Each structure stands twice: as C-alpha cells, then as structure tokens.
Protein backbone atom coordinates (compact mmCIF):
# COMPACT_ATOMS: atom_id res chain seq x y z
CA UNK A 1 13.00 -23.70 27.25
CA UNK A 2 11.53 -20.35 26.36
CA UNK A 3 10.48 -17.27 28.92
CA UNK A 4 6.72 -18.23 29.18
CA UNK A 5 7.23 -21.61 30.00
CA UNK A 6 6.97 -23.74 32.94
CA UNK A 7 10.00 -25.54 34.10
CA UNK A 8 9.80 -29.32 33.20
CA UNK A 9 9.40 -30.21 36.49
CA UNK A 10 6.47 -28.42 37.00
CA UNK A 11 4.52 -29.37 34.12
CA UNK A 12 5.26 -33.40 34.71
CA UNK A 13 4.03 -33.11 38.57
CA UNK A 14 1.17 -31.07 37.30
CA UNK A 15 0.30 -31.72 33.77
CA UNK A 16 -2.91 -29.18 33.84
CA UNK A 17 -1.16 -26.02 35.88
CA UNK A 18 0.32 -25.21 32.41
CA UNK A 19 -3.58 -24.84 31.03
CA UNK A 20 -4.59 -22.84 34.40
CA UNK A 21 -1.06 -20.71 34.77
CA UNK A 22 -0.17 -19.90 32.05
CA UNK A 23 -1.48 -16.42 30.24
CA UNK A 24 -1.26 -15.31 34.51
CA UNK A 25 2.61 -16.60 34.41
CA UNK A 26 3.29 -14.76 30.82
CA UNK A 27 1.05 -11.28 32.58
CA UNK A 28 3.37 -11.12 35.41
CA UNK A 29 6.27 -12.25 33.37
CA UNK A 30 5.89 -9.23 30.81
CA UNK A 31 5.58 -7.19 33.54
CA UNK A 32 8.54 -7.71 35.69
CA UNK A 33 10.53 -7.39 32.29
CA UNK A 34 9.07 -4.39 31.48
CA UNK A 35 9.83 -3.44 34.82
CA UNK A 36 13.53 -4.50 34.45
CA UNK A 37 13.95 -2.05 31.19
CA UNK A 38 12.69 0.53 32.87
CA UNK A 39 14.79 0.47 36.21
CA UNK A 40 17.82 -0.38 33.76
CA UNK A 41 17.22 3.16 31.43
CA UNK A 42 16.53 4.91 34.46
CA UNK A 43 19.34 3.57 36.23
CA UNK A 44 21.92 2.77 32.99
CA UNK A 45 25.31 2.56 35.33
CA UNK A 46 23.89 0.22 38.29
CA UNK A 47 23.21 -3.27 38.41
CA UNK A 48 19.52 -4.37 38.92
CA UNK A 49 18.78 -7.53 40.58
CA UNK A 50 15.49 -9.09 40.40
CA UNK A 51 14.22 -11.63 42.88
CA UNK A 52 11.37 -14.29 42.02
CA UNK A 53 9.35 -15.84 45.34
C-alpha cells in the first residue's frame, strides 16, 4: 500500500470515498510528513511519534 492510498477496508466499504477524499488525504499526509521531517531535523536526538486520530 502506498502512503497516499486508503486502507482496503475503507475503499471496499465506501467506493466513492477514494474520489471524494483522496486529494485532502494526500494534502494532509504530505503536511504531516513535512512536519515530521522538520521535527527530526530540529530534535535530531529525540524520538518523534505521530498519532493519527
């Protein structure tokens, strides 16, 4: 599974979710990735954890 894909159970249960929410999902995913990269550069010796709600 690519990082920008929805889990299979979501696309099976809600086939239209992919078309409706994927652009926003990709945008949020990219922003989270960029924030995580920035945090690891700013705090190189710390463990960074990201929780998705």
